[in-house]
Amino acid sequence: MRIRPIISFFAFCLLIALSGCGPDSIFLRSGLDTPSHHVDSGNQLMNYGKYDSAKREFSRAIELDPNYSPAYVGLGLVMGYLGDPDQGLVVMQQALDLARDEDQKKNADAGLQVLEGMAESKE
């Protein structure tokens, strides 16, 4: 008679153990994996001086949309801050070429001026 509660207890424990196994659910937030979101995150990281993390964000934005000018602006600036303003100028020129509207052109021009200043001070 004592065996039945013991078997029930072990069955319950086994059920608990098996329900805890298996892959966790992954909730994709498609609204967070957009070029504009990655550029915004990259800009915030850049403001905090976290240039390597910012570079990853801008690169992800470019992966999602290879024609997204603001991502190239951010990537160019990060390259300048990481000590390679000449390569940053090349990337910034891509940003200027890909700019779709006046705001994007203005941002690319402003980034170009910042990088030119970095390149001059490096010399």
N, C-alpha and C. Protein backbone atom coordinates (compact mmCIF):
# COMPACT_ATOMS: atom_id res chain seq x y z
N MET A 1 0.80 -1.19 0.00
CA MET A 1 0.00 0.00 0.00
C MET A 1 0.85 1.26 0.00
N ARG A 2 2.04 1.18 0.55
CA ARG A 2 2.91 2.36 0.56
C ARG A 2 3.55 2.60 -0.79
N ILE A 3 3.55 1.64 -1.65
CA ILE A 3 4.25 1.77 -2.92
C ILE A 3 3.52 2.71 -3.88
N ARG A 4 2.20 2.74 -3.81
CA ARG A 4 1.42 3.58 -4.71
C ARG A 4 1.73 5.08 -4.52
N PRO A 5 1.79 5.62 -3.29
CA PRO A 5 2.15 7.04 -3.14
C PRO A 5 3.57 7.32 -3.61
N ILE A 6 4.47 6.37 -3.44
CA ILE A 6 5.86 6.57 -3.87
C ILE A 6 5.92 6.63 -5.39
N ILE A 7 5.21 5.73 -6.06
CA ILE A 7 5.18 5.75 -7.53
C ILE A 7 4.54 7.04 -8.02
N SER A 8 3.49 7.47 -7.39
CA SER A 8 2.83 8.72 -7.77
C SER A 8 3.77 9.90 -7.59
N PHE A 9 4.52 9.91 -6.51
CA PHE A 9 5.47 10.99 -6.26
C PHE A 9 6.55 11.02 -7.36
N PHE A 10 7.12 9.87 -7.70
CA PHE A 10 8.15 9.82 -8.74
C PHE A 10 7.59 10.16 -10.12
N ALA A 11 6.38 9.76 -10.39
CA ALA A 11 5.74 10.11 -11.66
C ALA A 11 5.54 11.63 -11.75
N PHE A 12 5.13 12.22 -10.64
CA PHE A 12 4.96 13.67 -10.60
C PHE A 12 6.30 14.38 -10.82
N CYS A 13 7.35 13.90 -10.15
CA CYS A 13 8.69 14.48 -10.31
C CYS A 13 9.17 14.34 -11.75
N LEU A 14 8.94 13.19 -12.36
CA LEU A 14 9.33 12.96 -13.74
C LEU A 14 8.58 13.91 -14.67
N LEU A 15 7.32 14.11 -14.43
CA LEU A 15 6.52 15.03 -15.23
C LEU A 15 7.06 16.45 -15.12
N ILE A 16 7.40 16.87 -13.92
CA ILE A 16 7.97 18.22 -13.71
C ILE A 16 9.30 18.34 -14.45
N ALA A 17 10.16 17.32 -14.33
CA ALA A 17 11.48 17.35 -14.96
C ALA A 17 11.36 17.41 -16.48
N LEU A 18 10.46 16.63 -17.04
CA LEU A 18 10.31 16.61 -18.50
C LEU A 18 9.70 17.90 -19.04
N SER A 19 8.85 18.51 -18.28
CA SER A 19 8.25 19.75 -18.76
C SER A 19 9.25 20.90 -18.74
N GLY A 20 10.31 20.78 -17.95
CA GLY A 20 11.34 21.82 -17.90
C GLY A 20 12.39 21.65 -18.97
N CYS A 21 12.41 20.53 -19.65
CA CYS A 21 13.40 20.27 -20.70
C CYS A 21 12.86 20.75 -22.03
N GLY A 22 13.77 21.01 -22.93
CA GLY A 22 13.38 21.42 -24.26
C GLY A 22 13.80 22.85 -24.52
N PRO A 23 13.71 23.25 -25.76
CA PRO A 23 14.17 24.60 -26.11
C PRO A 23 13.26 25.67 -25.54
N ASP A 24 13.88 26.78 -25.20
CA ASP A 24 13.10 27.92 -24.74
C ASP A 24 12.43 28.56 -25.95
N SER A 25 11.32 29.17 -25.72
CA SER A 25 10.64 29.88 -26.78
C SER A 25 11.41 31.14 -27.11
N ILE A 26 11.49 31.42 -28.39
CA ILE A 26 12.16 32.64 -28.85
C ILE A 26 11.08 33.54 -29.42
N PHE A 27 10.97 34.71 -28.87
CA PHE A 27 10.00 35.67 -29.35
C PHE A 27 10.73 36.69 -30.21
N LEU A 28 10.47 36.65 -31.49
CA LEU A 28 11.10 37.59 -32.38
C LEU A 28 10.34 38.91 -32.34
N ARG A 29 11.08 39.94 -32.28
CA ARG A 29 10.47 41.27 -32.30
C ARG A 29 10.90 41.93 -33.59
N SER A 30 10.13 41.70 -34.61
CA SER A 30 10.52 42.16 -35.94
C SER A 30 10.67 43.67 -36.00
N GLY A 31 9.98 44.39 -35.18
CA GLY A 31 10.09 45.84 -35.17
C GLY A 31 11.43 46.32 -34.66
N LEU A 32 12.16 45.45 -33.96
CA LEU A 32 13.47 45.83 -33.44
C LEU A 32 14.59 45.47 -34.40
N ASP A 33 14.32 44.66 -35.39
CA ASP A 33 15.35 44.27 -36.34
C ASP A 33 15.15 44.99 -37.66
N THR A 34 15.17 46.31 -37.56
CA THR A 34 15.03 47.16 -38.74
C THR A 34 16.28 48.03 -38.86
N PRO A 35 16.59 48.47 -40.07
CA PRO A 35 17.76 49.34 -40.23
C PRO A 35 17.70 50.60 -39.36
N SER A 36 16.54 51.22 -39.30
CA SER A 36 16.44 52.46 -38.52
C SER A 36 16.66 52.21 -37.03
N HIS A 37 16.15 51.08 -36.53
CA HIS A 37 16.35 50.76 -35.12
C HIS A 37 17.84 50.52 -34.83
N HIS A 38 18.52 49.80 -35.71
CA HIS A 38 19.94 49.54 -35.50
C HIS A 38 20.77 50.83 -35.61
N VAL A 39 20.37 51.72 -36.49
CA VAL A 39 21.08 53.01 -36.59
C VAL A 39 20.86 53.83 -35.33
N ASP A 40 19.64 53.86 -34.82
CA ASP A 40 19.37 54.58 -33.57
C ASP A 40 20.20 54.00 -32.42
N SER A 41 20.24 52.67 -32.33
CA SER A 41 21.03 52.03 -31.28
C SER A 41 22.51 52.33 -31.46
N GLY A 42 22.97 52.27 -32.71
CA GLY A 42 24.37 52.57 -33.00
C GLY A 42 24.74 54.00 -32.62
N ASN A 43 23.85 54.93 -32.89
CA ASN A 43 24.12 56.33 -32.53
C ASN A 43 24.20 56.50 -31.01
N GLN A 44 23.32 55.82 -30.29
CA GLN A 44 23.38 55.91 -28.83
C GLN A 44 24.67 55.31 -28.30
N LEU A 45 25.06 54.17 -28.84
CA LEU A 45 26.31 53.53 -28.41
C LEU A 45 27.51 54.40 -28.74
N MET A 46 27.47 55.03 -29.90
CA MET A 46 28.56 55.91 -30.31
C MET A 46 28.67 57.10 -29.35
N ASN A 47 27.53 57.63 -28.92
CA ASN A 47 27.54 58.75 -27.98
C ASN A 47 28.16 58.36 -26.64
N TYR A 48 28.06 57.09 -26.28
CA TYR A 48 28.66 56.60 -25.03
C TYR A 48 30.09 56.12 -25.22
N GLY A 49 30.62 56.25 -26.43
CA GLY A 49 31.99 55.85 -26.69
C GLY A 49 32.18 54.36 -26.88
N LYS A 50 31.09 53.64 -27.11
CA LYS A 50 31.16 52.19 -27.33
C LYS A 50 31.20 51.94 -28.84
N TYR A 51 32.36 52.21 -29.42
CA TYR A 51 32.48 52.23 -30.87
C TYR A 51 32.39 50.85 -31.51
N ASP A 52 32.94 49.83 -30.88
CA ASP A 52 32.86 48.48 -31.45
C ASP A 52 31.41 47.99 -31.50
N SER A 53 30.67 48.25 -30.44
CA SER A 53 29.25 47.86 -30.42
C SER A 53 28.45 48.67 -31.42
N ALA A 54 28.77 49.94 -31.54
CA ALA A 54 28.09 50.80 -32.51
C ALA A 54 28.37 50.30 -33.93
N LYS A 55 29.61 49.90 -34.17
CA LYS A 55 29.97 49.39 -35.49
C LYS A 55 29.15 48.15 -35.84
N ARG A 56 28.92 47.28 -34.87
CA ARG A 56 28.09 46.10 -35.11
C ARG A 56 26.66 46.49 -35.46
N GLU A 57 26.14 47.49 -34.77
CA GLU A 57 24.76 47.94 -35.06
C GLU A 57 24.65 48.52 -36.47
N PHE A 58 25.60 49.36 -36.85
CA PHE A 58 25.55 49.95 -38.18
C PHE A 58 25.75 48.88 -39.26
N SER A 59 26.62 47.92 -38.99
CA SER A 59 26.83 46.83 -39.94
C SER A 59 25.58 45.99 -40.11
N ARG A 60 24.86 45.75 -39.01
CA ARG A 60 23.61 45.00 -39.09
C ARG A 60 22.58 45.77 -39.91
N ALA A 61 22.53 47.08 -39.74
CA ALA A 61 21.59 47.89 -40.52
C ALA A 61 21.91 47.77 -42.02
N ILE A 62 23.19 47.73 -42.35
CA ILE A 62 23.60 47.60 -43.75
C ILE A 62 23.25 46.21 -44.27
N GLU A 63 23.37 45.19 -43.43
CA GLU A 63 22.97 43.84 -43.84
C GLU A 63 21.49 43.81 -44.19
N LEU A 64 20.69 44.50 -43.39
CA LEU A 64 19.24 44.49 -43.61
C LEU A 64 18.85 45.32 -44.83
N ASP A 65 19.55 46.42 -45.07
CA ASP A 65 19.26 47.28 -46.22
C ASP A 65 20.57 47.90 -46.71
N PRO A 66 21.18 47.30 -47.73
CA PRO A 66 22.47 47.80 -48.24
C PRO A 66 22.41 49.20 -48.82
N ASN A 67 21.23 49.75 -49.00
CA ASN A 67 21.09 51.10 -49.57
C ASN A 67 20.64 52.14 -48.54
N TYR A 68 20.77 51.83 -47.25
CA TYR A 68 20.29 52.72 -46.20
C TYR A 68 21.41 53.69 -45.81
N SER A 69 21.34 54.88 -46.31
CA SER A 69 22.39 55.88 -46.15
C SER A 69 22.75 56.18 -44.69
N PRO A 70 21.79 56.34 -43.76
CA PRO A 70 22.17 56.65 -42.38
C PRO A 70 23.09 55.60 -41.73
N ALA A 71 22.97 54.36 -42.17
CA ALA A 71 23.84 53.32 -41.63
C ALA A 71 25.29 53.56 -42.04
N TYR A 72 25.48 54.02 -43.27
CA TYR A 72 26.83 54.32 -43.75
C TYR A 72 27.40 55.56 -43.07
N VAL A 73 26.53 56.52 -42.77
CA VAL A 73 26.99 57.71 -42.04
C VAL A 73 27.54 57.28 -40.68
N GLY A 74 26.77 56.48 -39.96
CA GLY A 74 27.22 56.01 -38.65
C GLY A 74 28.48 55.18 -38.73
N LEU A 75 28.54 54.28 -39.70
CA LEU A 75 29.72 53.42 -39.84
C LEU A 75 30.95 54.24 -40.19
N GLY A 76 30.79 55.24 -41.03
CA GLY A 76 31.92 56.10 -41.37
C GLY A 76 32.45 56.87 -40.17
N LEU A 77 31.53 57.40 -39.37
CA LEU A 77 31.94 58.12 -38.17
C LEU A 77 32.65 57.20 -37.17
N VAL A 78 32.11 56.00 -37.01
CA VAL A 78 32.74 55.05 -36.09
C VAL A 78 34.16 54.72 -36.55
N MET A 79 34.33 54.55 -37.85
CA MET A 79 35.68 54.26 -38.36
C MET A 79 36.63 55.41 -38.04
N GLY A 80 36.12 56.62 -38.16
CA GLY A 80 36.94 57.77 -37.81
C GLY A 80 37.30 57.77 -36.33
N TYR A 81 36.33 57.51 -35.48
CA TYR A 81 36.60 57.48 -34.04
C TYR A 81 37.52 56.33 -33.65
N LEU A 82 37.49 55.25 -34.42
CA LEU A 82 38.38 54.12 -34.14
C LEU A 82 39.78 54.33 -34.73
N GLY A 83 40.01 55.49 -35.33
CA GLY A 83 41.36 55.83 -35.78
C GLY A 83 41.62 55.65 -37.26
N ASP A 84 40.59 55.43 -38.07
CA ASP A 84 40.78 55.27 -39.51
C ASP A 84 39.86 56.23 -40.27
N PRO A 85 40.13 57.55 -40.16
CA PRO A 85 39.25 58.51 -40.82
C PRO A 85 39.28 58.42 -42.35
N ASP A 86 40.39 57.95 -42.91
CA ASP A 86 40.46 57.82 -44.37
C ASP A 86 39.46 56.78 -44.88
N GLN A 87 39.40 55.64 -44.21
CA GLN A 87 38.40 54.63 -44.58
C GLN A 87 37.00 55.13 -44.27
N GLY A 88 36.88 55.90 -43.21
CA GLY A 88 35.59 56.50 -42.88
C GLY A 88 35.10 57.44 -43.97
N LEU A 89 36.03 58.16 -44.60
CA LEU A 89 35.67 59.06 -45.71
C LEU A 89 35.13 58.27 -46.90
N VAL A 90 35.72 57.11 -47.16
CA VAL A 90 35.25 56.26 -48.26
C VAL A 90 33.81 55.81 -47.99
N VAL A 91 33.56 55.37 -46.75
CA VAL A 91 32.22 54.92 -46.38
C VAL A 91 31.25 56.09 -46.40
N MET A 92 31.70 57.25 -45.96
CA MET A 92 30.83 58.43 -45.93
C MET A 92 30.45 58.86 -47.35
N GLN A 93 31.35 58.66 -48.30
CA GLN A 93 31.03 58.97 -49.69
C GLN A 93 29.91 58.04 -50.19
N GLN A 94 29.94 56.78 -49.75
CA GLN A 94 28.86 55.85 -50.08
C GLN A 94 27.54 56.37 -49.51
N ALA A 95 27.60 56.87 -48.29
CA ALA A 95 26.39 57.42 -47.66
C ALA A 95 25.83 58.56 -48.48
N LEU A 96 26.72 59.40 -48.96
CA LEU A 96 26.29 60.55 -49.77
C LEU A 96 25.69 60.08 -51.09
N ASP A 97 26.31 59.07 -51.69
CA ASP A 97 25.79 58.55 -52.96
C ASP A 97 24.43 57.88 -52.80
N LEU A 98 24.19 57.27 -51.64
CA LEU A 98 22.94 56.55 -51.40
C LEU A 98 21.84 57.42 -50.80
N ALA A 99 22.15 58.65 -50.44
CA ALA A 99 21.16 59.52 -49.78
C ALA A 99 19.92 59.67 -50.67
N ARG A 100 18.76 59.47 -50.07
CA ARG A 100 17.49 59.49 -50.81
C ARG A 100 16.77 60.84 -50.75
N ASP A 101 17.05 61.61 -49.70
CA ASP A 101 16.36 62.89 -49.57
C ASP A 101 17.33 63.92 -48.99
N GLU A 102 16.83 65.13 -48.83
CA GLU A 102 17.68 66.24 -48.37
C GLU A 102 18.23 66.01 -46.96
N ASP A 103 17.42 65.45 -46.07
CA ASP A 103 17.89 65.19 -44.71
C ASP A 103 19.06 64.22 -44.71
N GLN A 104 18.94 63.16 -45.49
CA GLN A 104 20.03 62.19 -45.56
C GLN A 104 21.27 62.81 -46.18
N LYS A 105 21.10 63.68 -47.17
CA LYS A 105 22.25 64.36 -47.78
C LYS A 105 22.92 65.30 -46.77
N LYS A 106 22.10 66.01 -45.99
CA LYS A 106 22.65 66.91 -44.98
C LYS A 106 23.43 66.14 -43.92
N ASN A 107 22.89 65.00 -43.47
CA ASN A 107 23.58 64.19 -42.48
C ASN A 107 24.89 63.63 -43.02
N ALA A 108 24.87 63.19 -44.27
CA ALA A 108 26.10 62.67 -44.88
C ALA A 108 27.13 63.79 -45.05
N ASP A 109 26.68 64.98 -45.44
CA ASP A 109 27.60 66.12 -45.57
C ASP A 109 28.21 66.48 -44.22
N ALA A 110 27.38 66.49 -43.19
CA ALA A 110 27.89 66.82 -41.84
C ALA A 110 28.90 65.77 -41.40
N GLY A 111 28.61 64.50 -41.64
CA GLY A 111 29.55 63.44 -41.30
C GLY A 111 30.84 63.56 -42.08
N LEU A 112 30.72 63.94 -43.34
CA LEU A 112 31.91 64.14 -44.18
C LEU A 112 32.80 65.24 -43.62
N GLN A 113 32.20 66.32 -43.16
CA GLN A 113 32.98 67.42 -42.57
C GLN A 113 33.68 66.97 -41.29
N VAL A 114 33.00 66.22 -40.46
CA VAL A 114 33.60 65.71 -39.22
C VAL A 114 34.80 64.84 -39.55
N LEU A 115 34.62 63.94 -40.51
CA LEU A 115 35.72 63.04 -40.87
C LEU A 115 36.88 63.78 -41.53
N GLU A 116 36.58 64.78 -42.33
CA GLU A 116 37.66 65.57 -42.92
C GLU A 116 38.47 66.26 -41.83
N GLY A 117 37.78 66.75 -40.80
CA GLY A 117 38.48 67.36 -39.67
C GLY A 117 39.35 66.33 -38.94
N MET A 118 38.84 65.11 -38.77
CA MET A 118 39.62 64.05 -38.15
C MET A 118 40.86 63.71 -38.98
N ALA A 119 40.67 63.66 -40.30
CA ALA A 119 41.78 63.30 -41.18
C ALA A 119 42.86 64.39 -41.15
N GLU A 120 42.43 65.65 -41.12
CA GLU A 120 43.39 66.75 -41.07
C GLU A 120 44.17 66.76 -39.76
N SER A 121 43.48 66.51 -38.65
CA SER A 121 44.16 66.53 -37.36
C SER A 121 45.09 65.31 -37.20
N LYS A 122 44.82 64.27 -37.96
CA LYS A 122 45.67 63.07 -37.91
C LYS A 122 47.02 63.32 -38.57
N GLU A 123 46.99 64.19 -39.59
CA GLU A 123 48.22 64.48 -40.35
C GLU A 123 49.17 65.31 -39.59
